């Protein structure tokens, strides 16, 4: 993949927006502005940015409950994501989903799911519909390594392979399914090999490198759209924060966390740009100021948003059946 200054700016700004947005979410959660569950993506930004760069407007995205980064990288507006966190009607899911259920039809972001592996069969169904309708597009399904232990993982990969569906499976392998290390739950810890056993084109990449993810995603998307069937990418990554804001994080050695922080996707990309003599073209101060403005606007928008009225409580819950 050719990396010019314009692409470098796009990648760096995209990752920085996710990082600063989530850091603000931590502050707001501590102040009880954001309630409920909150799963942070800090440390994994390279995957969302690299992956979304390979997609077209007609492609669909389904993901996990750790999906703020995916939504922002896909183009869901920061103010609508923040309003959703606040439970306001102006949120991308009308305040009904919160952090774990972001949704935006305009960007074909079909969002997060609180059910581990829950998005896999949905992705297979959407890809099947596209194939039957002869639409040249791909459905991307993002999930964590914990989903591999679920039956839906195997059933979905098997059907996708049998029916040669236009779906790209992306596993964000951060080494821990909540608080359990992968080595304690899987006899084969190279997850891409499991996908390969279903005769799916599979690849393992450095999930801390935005360029490596983008390169692998672009090739996979091209192959899928060319009718070669499903593809699978395993991204080796690491979350720098605990599983959720409720997690005491007693299962990880602090030394391990610090070692992974040396591979921070922002720092790693900076080093790469320095090697390519592109870093001098990155105005970090300008990026920080621009992103701060976006986040401040998002918080103000969320603060001033409206809570859904009680009389609308049953709206979108039950379908109305006419007597006719």
Protein backbone atom coordinates (compact mmCIF):
# COMPACT_ATOMS: atom_id res chain seq x y z
CA UNK A 1 0.00 0.00 0.00
CA UNK A 2 1.35 3.40 -1.03
CA UNK A 3 1.57 5.66 2.01
CA UNK A 4 1.68 9.33 1.05
CA UNK A 5 1.31 12.36 3.30
CA UNK A 6 -2.45 12.65 2.73
CA UNK A 7 -3.01 9.02 3.75
CA UNK A 8 -0.63 9.42 6.69
CA UNK A 9 -2.63 12.39 7.96
CA UNK A 10 -5.90 10.49 7.55
CA UNK A 11 -4.63 7.49 9.49
CA UNK A 12 -2.99 9.46 12.31
CA UNK A 13 -5.91 11.83 12.79
CA UNK A 14 -8.36 8.92 12.75
CA UNK A 15 -6.50 7.07 15.50
CA UNK A 16 -5.97 10.22 17.55
CA UNK A 17 -9.68 11.06 17.43
CA UNK A 18 -10.58 7.64 18.83
CA UNK A 19 -7.94 7.93 21.57
CA UNK A 20 -8.96 11.41 22.70
CA UNK A 21 -12.69 10.62 22.44
CA UNK A 22 -12.35 7.63 24.73
CA UNK A 23 -10.11 9.45 27.17
CA UNK A 24 -12.90 12.01 27.46
CA UNK A 25 -15.39 9.17 28.00
CA UNK A 26 -13.35 7.99 30.99
CA UNK A 27 -13.60 11.46 32.51
CA UNK A 28 -17.33 11.69 31.83
CA UNK A 29 -17.94 8.22 33.22
CA UNK A 30 -16.09 9.13 36.42
CA UNK A 31 -18.38 12.16 36.70
CA UNK A 32 -21.42 9.90 36.14
CA UNK A 33 -22.38 11.68 32.94
CA UNK A 34 -22.07 8.34 31.15
CA UNK A 35 -23.71 5.44 32.94
CA UNK A 36 -24.00 1.68 32.48
CA UNK A 37 -21.25 -0.33 30.80
CA UNK A 38 -18.25 1.21 29.07
CA UNK A 39 -15.69 -0.87 27.18
CA UNK A 40 -12.72 1.12 25.93
CA UNK A 41 -10.84 0.59 22.67
CA UNK A 42 -7.64 2.39 23.73
CA UNK A 43 -4.66 0.54 22.25
CA UNK A 44 -6.61 -1.03 19.38
CA UNK A 45 -7.23 2.08 17.25
CA UNK A 46 -5.09 0.87 14.34
CA UNK A 47 -7.55 -1.90 13.52
CA UNK A 48 -10.63 0.29 13.21
CA UNK A 49 -8.88 2.96 11.16
CA UNK A 50 -7.02 0.55 8.90
CA UNK A 51 -10.06 -1.65 8.33
CA UNK A 52 -12.53 1.13 7.56
CA UNK A 53 -10.12 2.67 5.05
CA UNK A 54 -10.64 -0.38 2.83
CA UNK A 55 -14.44 -0.19 2.72
CA UNK A 56 -16.83 1.49 0.33
CA UNK A 57 -19.99 3.37 1.22
CA UNK A 58 -22.21 0.40 0.33
CA UNK A 59 -20.34 -2.07 2.54
CA UNK A 60 -21.82 -3.02 5.91
CA UNK A 61 -20.17 -3.24 9.33
CA UNK A 62 -21.20 -5.29 12.35
CA UNK A 63 -19.07 -5.35 15.47
CA UNK A 64 -18.79 -5.95 19.21
CA UNK A 65 -19.74 -3.97 22.29
CA UNK A 66 -16.22 -2.39 22.22
CA UNK A 67 -17.23 -0.40 19.16
CA UNK A 68 -16.71 3.34 19.72
CA UNK A 69 -13.57 3.24 17.57
CA UNK A 70 -15.27 1.36 14.74
CA UNK A 71 -18.17 3.82 14.71
CA UNK A 72 -15.96 6.90 14.61
CA UNK A 73 -13.68 5.43 11.95
CA UNK A 74 -16.70 4.47 9.86
CA UNK A 75 -17.90 8.06 9.88
CA UNK A 76 -20.57 8.08 12.56
CA UNK A 77 -20.51 11.63 13.91
CA UNK A 78 -18.81 12.06 17.28
CA UNK A 79 -21.67 14.17 18.65
CA UNK A 80 -24.22 11.45 17.90
CA UNK A 81 -22.01 8.80 19.49
CA UNK A 82 -21.55 10.97 22.59
CA UNK A 83 -25.27 11.74 22.81
CA UNK A 84 -25.91 8.00 22.71
CA UNK A 85 -23.50 7.55 25.63
CA UNK A 86 -25.53 10.14 27.53
CA UNK A 87 -28.79 8.31 26.74
CA UNK A 88 -30.19 11.23 24.76
CA UNK A 89 -32.71 11.08 21.90
CA UNK A 90 -30.16 12.78 19.62
CA UNK A 91 -27.90 9.74 19.97
CA UNK A 92 -27.29 7.45 16.99
CA UNK A 93 -29.59 4.86 18.59
CA UNK A 94 -31.99 7.45 20.06
CA UNK A 95 -30.39 6.96 23.47
CA UNK A 96 -31.79 3.45 23.78
CA UNK A 97 -28.57 1.53 23.18
CA UNK A 98 -25.82 3.36 25.02
CA UNK A 99 -22.17 2.47 24.68
CA UNK A 100 -22.69 -1.13 23.59
CA UNK A 101 -25.33 -0.63 20.88
CA UNK A 102 -24.26 2.09 18.49
CA UNK A 103 -26.14 2.09 15.16
CA UNK A 104 -26.14 4.33 12.12
CA UNK A 105 -28.03 3.34 8.97
CA UNK A 106 -26.56 6.20 6.93
CA UNK A 107 -23.03 4.80 7.19
CA UNK A 108 -24.31 1.19 7.13
CA UNK A 109 -22.89 0.73 10.61
CA UNK A 110 -25.13 -1.98 12.02
CA UNK A 111 -23.36 -1.71 15.23
CA UNK A 112 -22.39 -3.37 18.40
CA UNK A 113 -23.93 -6.32 20.16
CA UNK A 114 -23.84 -7.13 23.86
CA UNK A 115 -23.96 -10.82 22.95
CA UNK A 116 -20.51 -12.34 22.48
CA UNK A 117 -20.34 -13.66 18.88
CA UNK A 118 -23.87 -12.38 18.31
CA UNK A 119 -22.93 -10.42 15.20
CA UNK A 120 -21.46 -13.38 13.29
CA UNK A 121 -24.71 -15.08 12.20
CA UNK A 122 -26.20 -11.66 11.40
CA UNK A 123 -23.25 -10.93 9.13
CA UNK A 124 -23.73 -14.25 7.37
CA UNK A 125 -27.39 -13.44 6.79
CA UNK A 126 -26.62 -9.99 5.40
CA UNK A 127 -23.93 -11.42 3.12
CA UNK A 128 -26.34 -14.10 1.90
CA UNK A 129 -28.88 -11.40 1.03
CA UNK A 130 -26.24 -9.49 -0.96
CA UNK A 131 -25.28 -12.62 -2.86
CA UNK A 132 -28.89 -13.48 -3.68
CA UNK A 133 -29.50 -9.90 -4.84
CA UNK A 134 -26.23 -9.96 -6.84
CA UNK A 135 -24.93 -6.84 -5.07
CA UNK A 136 -21.16 -6.35 -5.24
CA UNK A 137 -20.41 -5.41 -1.66
CA UNK A 138 -18.93 -6.91 1.47
CA UNK A 139 -20.26 -7.34 5.00
CA UNK A 140 -17.53 -6.91 7.61
CA UNK A 141 -17.92 -8.65 10.96
CA UNK A 142 -15.57 -7.64 13.79
CA UNK A 143 -15.35 -9.70 16.98
CA UNK A 144 -12.92 -10.50 19.78
CA UNK A 145 -10.98 -13.65 20.58
CA UNK A 146 -13.57 -14.57 23.21
CA UNK A 147 -16.12 -15.15 20.44
CA UNK A 148 -14.05 -18.04 19.11
CA UNK A 149 -15.25 -20.21 22.01
CA UNK A 150 -18.87 -19.78 20.94
CA UNK A 151 -20.77 -22.12 18.63
CA UNK A 152 -21.86 -19.20 16.43
CA UNK A 153 -18.24 -18.71 15.39
CA UNK A 154 -17.94 -22.19 13.90
CA UNK A 155 -21.46 -22.30 12.48
CA UNK A 156 -21.06 -18.92 10.80
CA UNK A 157 -17.67 -19.65 9.26
CA UNK A 158 -18.88 -23.02 8.04
CA UNK A 159 -21.96 -21.60 6.30
CA UNK A 160 -20.04 -18.65 4.86
CA UNK A 161 -17.53 -21.06 3.33
CA UNK A 162 -20.15 -23.51 2.06
CA UNK A 163 -22.20 -20.77 0.41
CA UNK A 164 -19.16 -18.73 -0.68
CA UNK A 165 -20.57 -15.58 0.87
CA UNK A 166 -19.18 -12.04 0.52
CA UNK A 167 -18.23 -11.57 4.17
CA UNK A 168 -14.97 -10.49 5.81
CA UNK A 169 -14.44 -11.79 9.34
CA UNK A 170 -12.04 -9.72 11.46
CA UNK A 171 -10.91 -11.05 14.84
CA UNK A 172 -9.43 -8.50 17.22
CA UNK A 173 -7.30 -10.84 19.28
CA UNK A 174 -6.26 -8.88 22.38
CA UNK A 175 -5.27 -12.04 24.24
CA UNK A 176 -8.01 -11.94 26.87
CA UNK A 177 -11.67 -12.92 26.81
CA UNK A 178 -12.70 -10.58 29.61
CA UNK A 179 -10.29 -11.79 32.33
CA UNK A 180 -9.22 -15.13 30.90
CA UNK A 181 -6.06 -15.47 28.83
CA UNK A 182 -6.50 -17.13 25.45
CA UNK A 183 -4.08 -19.94 26.29
CA UNK A 184 -6.48 -21.19 28.98
CA UNK A 185 -9.47 -21.47 26.63
CA UNK A 186 -8.06 -22.48 23.24
CA UNK A 187 -5.79 -25.40 22.41
CA UNK A 188 -4.89 -23.55 19.18
CA UNK A 189 -4.17 -19.91 19.96
CA UNK A 190 -3.51 -18.89 16.34
CA UNK A 191 -7.12 -18.15 15.54
CA UNK A 192 -6.62 -17.64 11.82
CA UNK A 193 -5.74 -21.34 11.58
CA UNK A 194 -9.23 -22.22 12.81
CA UNK A 195 -10.72 -20.17 9.97
CA UNK A 196 -8.36 -21.82 7.50
CA UNK A 197 -9.71 -25.21 8.57
CA UNK A 198 -13.03 -24.14 7.03
CA UNK A 199 -11.17 -23.47 3.75
CA UNK A 200 -11.47 -19.71 4.21
CA UNK A 201 -8.64 -17.46 3.02
CA UNK A 202 -7.05 -16.45 6.34
CA UNK A 203 -4.28 -14.15 7.47
CA UNK A 204 -2.72 -13.01 10.76
CA UNK A 205 -1.45 -9.42 10.95
CA UNK A 206 0.05 -6.97 13.43
CA UNK A 207 -3.02 -5.23 14.80
CA UNK A 208 -0.89 -2.43 16.26
CA UNK A 209 0.12 -1.33 12.74
CA UNK A 210 -2.50 0.71 10.90
CA UNK A 211 -0.74 0.18 7.57
CA UNK A 212 -0.56 -3.60 7.97
CA UNK A 213 -4.26 -3.78 8.82
CA UNK A 214 -5.18 -1.47 5.94
CA UNK A 215 -3.09 -3.49 3.49
CA UNK A 216 -4.59 -6.83 4.55
CA UNK A 217 -8.12 -5.42 4.62
CA UNK A 218 -7.84 -3.87 1.15
CA UNK A 219 -6.66 -7.17 -0.35
CA UNK A 220 -9.35 -9.18 1.47
CA UNK A 221 -12.15 -6.81 0.46
CA UNK A 222 -11.01 -6.94 -3.16
CA UNK A 223 -10.99 -10.74 -3.16
CA UNK A 224 -14.39 -10.99 -1.49
CA UNK A 225 -15.95 -8.57 -3.99
CA UNK A 226 -14.39 -10.55 -6.83
CA UNK A 227 -16.48 -13.54 -5.78
CA UNK A 228 -13.72 -15.56 -4.13
CA UNK A 229 -15.81 -16.21 -1.04
CA UNK A 230 -15.28 -15.18 2.58
CA UNK A 231 -11.99 -13.96 4.04
CA UNK A 232 -10.62 -13.89 7.58
CA UNK A 233 -8.11 -11.54 9.24
CA UNK A 234 -6.76 -12.06 12.74
CA UNK A 235 -5.36 -8.83 14.19
CA UNK A 236 -2.96 -9.30 17.10
CA UNK A 237 -3.59 -6.39 19.43
CA UNK A 238 -3.91 -5.36 23.09
CA UNK A 239 -6.27 -3.20 25.08
CA UNK A 240 -4.40 -0.84 27.37
CA UNK A 241 -7.36 -0.39 29.71
CA UNK A 242 -9.26 -3.00 31.68
CA UNK A 243 -12.03 -5.05 30.06
CA UNK A 244 -14.60 -2.50 31.23
CA UNK A 245 -14.84 0.33 33.73
CA UNK A 246 -16.04 -2.23 36.31
CA UNK A 247 -12.99 -4.46 35.87
CA UNK A 248 -10.42 -4.49 38.70
CA UNK A 249 -7.90 -6.01 36.24
CA UNK A 250 -6.32 -8.51 38.62
CA UNK A 251 -5.50 -11.04 35.90
CA UNK A 252 -2.78 -9.16 33.97
CA UNK A 253 0.79 -8.46 34.97
CA UNK A 254 1.54 -4.72 34.89
CA UNK A 255 4.85 -5.49 33.18
CA UNK A 256 2.96 -7.11 30.31
CA UNK A 257 0.76 -4.04 29.89
CA UNK A 258 3.79 -1.74 29.83
CA UNK A 259 5.52 -3.93 27.24
CA UNK A 260 2.50 -3.70 24.96
CA UNK A 261 2.30 0.07 25.45
CA UNK A 262 5.69 0.26 23.76
CA UNK A 263 3.79 -0.94 20.66
CA UNK A 264 1.17 1.83 20.96
CA UNK A 265 -0.31 2.22 17.45
CA UNK A 266 0.11 6.01 17.56
CA UNK A 267 3.77 5.77 18.58
CA UNK A 268 4.41 2.94 16.13
CA UNK A 269 2.91 4.97 13.28
CA UNK A 270 4.94 8.02 14.27
CA UNK A 271 8.13 5.95 14.09
CA UNK A 272 7.12 4.62 10.68
CA UNK A 273 6.43 8.12 9.35
CA UNK A 274 9.80 9.29 10.64
CA UNK A 275 11.47 6.46 8.71
CA UNK A 276 9.60 7.53 5.57
CA UNK A 277 10.42 11.22 6.15
CA UNK A 278 6.71 12.02 6.40
CA UNK A 279 6.44 12.93 10.08
CA UNK A 280 7.54 16.53 9.46
CA UNK A 281 4.32 16.98 7.48
CA UNK A 282 2.17 16.07 10.48
CA UNK A 283 1.09 19.15 12.45
CA UNK A 284 0.28 17.43 15.72
CA UNK A 285 -0.71 20.66 17.50
CA UNK A 286 -3.21 21.41 14.75
CA UNK A 287 -4.64 17.89 14.94
CA UNK A 288 -4.99 18.09 18.73
CA UNK A 289 -6.79 21.44 18.55
CA UNK A 290 -9.13 20.25 15.81
CA UNK A 291 -10.00 17.04 17.64
CA UNK A 292 -10.48 18.87 20.94
CA UNK A 293 -12.99 21.09 19.15
CA UNK A 294 -14.86 18.07 17.80
CA UNK A 295 -15.01 16.44 21.23
CA UNK A 296 -16.01 19.64 23.05
CA UNK A 297 -18.81 20.12 20.52
CA UNK A 298 -19.88 16.48 21.02
CA UNK A 299 -20.04 16.87 24.81
CA UNK A 300 -22.00 20.12 24.57
CA UNK A 301 -24.40 18.50 22.10
CA UNK A 302 -24.92 15.56 24.44
CA UNK A 303 -25.33 17.76 27.50
CA UNK A 304 -28.02 19.81 25.75
CA UNK A 305 -29.80 16.78 24.33
CA UNK A 306 -33.22 15.60 25.40
CA UNK A 307 -34.21 12.48 27.29
CA UNK A 308 -36.92 10.45 25.61
CA UNK A 309 -40.34 11.25 27.13
CA UNK A 310 -41.94 8.56 29.27
CA UNK A 311 -44.95 8.37 26.95
CA UNK A 312 -42.66 7.04 24.21
CA UNK A 313 -41.41 4.18 26.38
CA UNK A 314 -43.11 1.48 24.30
CA UNK A 315 -42.20 3.06 20.98
CA UNK A 316 -40.11 0.73 18.76
CA UNK A 317 -40.71 -2.12 21.22
CA UNK A 318 -44.01 -3.52 19.93
CA UNK A 319 -45.14 -3.42 16.31
CA UNK A 320 -48.55 -1.97 15.65
CA UNK A 321 -50.91 -4.46 14.02
CA UNK A 322 -53.90 -3.01 12.23
CA UNK A 323 -57.36 -4.60 12.44
CA UNK A 324 -57.70 -4.48 8.66
